[in-house]
Amino acid sequence: MKKVEQASATLPPLTEAQKADLARLAAMPDTEIDTSDIPELTEAQLAEMTRPDHFRPVKKQITARLDADVLAWLKSGGKGYQSRMNAILRRAMLEGK
């Protein structure tokens, strides 16, 4: 079977019927959604959940100005200085600094 991929820019526009159907679904209260084929998780199941090992936060490209000596120190560790900088910032974030 051939895999078909579409980018949002190349998708055909929604028909009026599709727009009306989406609006109806968006307005539907959660209590009216039939979840009989996908039962809700129990509190015990939710408590056991962990983030998968393969989870990767979304990266965002930025421009930042660093002191020259700080940048030199980061680069002195070789390739991957941006990843090291991210790890340092993440550790500080998680420690609440």
Protein backbone atom coordinates (compact mmCIF):
# COMPACT_ATOMS: atom_id res chain seq x y z
CA MET A 1 0.00 0.00 0.00
CA LYS A 2 1.39 3.40 -0.98
CA LYS A 3 1.75 5.91 1.84
CA VAL A 4 0.21 9.31 1.10
CA GLU A 5 1.43 12.36 2.96
CA GLN A 6 -0.13 15.80 2.90
CA ALA A 7 1.12 19.11 4.22
CA SER A 8 -1.53 21.46 5.56
CA ALA A 9 -0.65 23.95 2.83
CA THR A 10 -1.48 21.43 0.09
CA LEU A 11 -4.74 20.08 1.52
CA PRO A 12 -7.90 21.03 -0.34
CA PRO A 13 -10.12 23.57 1.45
CA LEU A 14 -12.90 22.22 3.67
CA THR A 15 -16.35 22.00 2.17
CA GLU A 16 -19.26 23.79 3.82
CA ALA A 17 -20.58 20.41 5.01
CA GLN A 18 -17.20 19.59 6.61
CA LYS A 19 -17.06 23.01 8.29
CA ALA A 20 -20.59 22.54 9.64
CA ASP A 21 -19.74 19.04 10.94
CA LEU A 22 -16.59 20.34 12.70
CA ALA A 23 -18.54 23.21 14.26
CA ARG A 24 -21.19 20.75 15.51
CA LEU A 25 -18.53 18.51 17.04
CA ALA A 26 -16.71 21.43 18.66
CA ALA A 27 -19.96 22.59 20.27
CA MET A 28 -20.81 19.11 21.59
CA PRO A 29 -20.44 18.82 25.39
CA ASP A 30 -18.08 16.12 26.65
CA THR A 31 -20.98 14.34 28.32
CA GLU A 32 -22.51 13.58 24.92
CA ILE A 33 -19.37 11.91 23.53
CA ASP A 34 -19.74 8.14 23.26
CA THR A 35 -16.62 6.65 24.84
CA SER A 36 -18.01 3.12 25.18
CA ASP A 37 -15.37 1.77 22.78
CA ILE A 38 -12.58 3.67 24.57
CA PRO A 39 -13.32 3.58 28.30
CA GLU A 40 -11.80 6.33 30.40
CA LEU A 41 -8.70 5.50 32.41
CA THR A 42 -9.03 4.97 36.14
CA GLU A 43 -7.13 7.09 38.68
CA ALA A 44 -4.91 4.06 39.39
CA GLN A 45 -4.02 3.74 35.70
CA LEU A 46 -3.28 7.45 35.43
CA ALA A 47 -1.06 7.30 38.53
CA GLU A 48 1.06 4.55 36.95
CA MET A 49 1.68 6.50 33.75
CA THR A 50 5.15 7.79 33.01
CA ARG A 51 6.60 9.77 30.14
CA PRO A 52 8.01 7.39 27.51
CA ASP A 53 11.79 7.08 27.23
CA HIS A 54 11.65 8.31 23.65
CA PHE A 55 9.92 11.60 24.61
CA ARG A 56 11.69 14.63 23.18
CA PRO A 57 10.54 18.15 23.93
CA VAL A 58 9.99 20.35 20.89
CA LYS A 59 13.07 22.40 20.08
CA LYS A 60 12.76 26.08 19.20
CA GLN A 61 15.48 27.99 17.39
CA ILE A 62 16.52 31.21 19.13
CA THR A 63 19.21 33.85 18.98
CA ALA A 64 20.96 34.48 22.28
CA ARG A 65 23.89 36.64 23.32
CA LEU A 66 26.38 35.00 25.67
CA ASP A 67 29.54 36.30 27.28
CA ALA A 68 32.53 35.29 25.15
CA ASP A 69 34.14 33.33 27.99
CA VAL A 70 30.93 31.39 28.66
CA LEU A 71 30.62 30.47 24.99
CA ALA A 72 34.30 29.48 24.84
CA TRP A 73 33.80 27.24 27.89
CA LEU A 74 30.75 25.57 26.32
CA LYS A 75 32.57 25.02 23.03
CA SER A 76 35.70 23.71 24.80
CA GLY A 77 33.81 20.47 25.46
CA GLY A 78 33.74 19.78 21.74
CA LYS A 79 30.78 19.11 19.50
CA GLY A 80 27.37 19.47 21.11
CA TYR A 81 27.83 22.72 22.99
CA GLN A 82 24.22 23.76 22.29
CA SER A 83 22.96 20.49 23.76
CA ARG A 84 25.15 21.07 26.83
CA MET A 85 23.76 24.58 27.18
CA ASN A 86 20.23 23.19 26.96
CA ALA A 87 21.00 20.54 29.59
CA ILE A 88 22.42 23.19 31.96
CA LEU A 89 19.35 25.39 31.50
CA ARG A 90 16.97 22.44 31.91
CA ARG A 91 18.69 21.37 35.16
CA ALA A 92 18.39 24.95 36.48
CA MET A 93 14.72 25.08 35.44
CA LEU A 94 13.89 21.78 37.15
CA GLU A 95 15.73 22.82 40.31
CA GLY A 96 13.64 25.99 40.35
CA LYS A 97 16.54 28.40 40.04
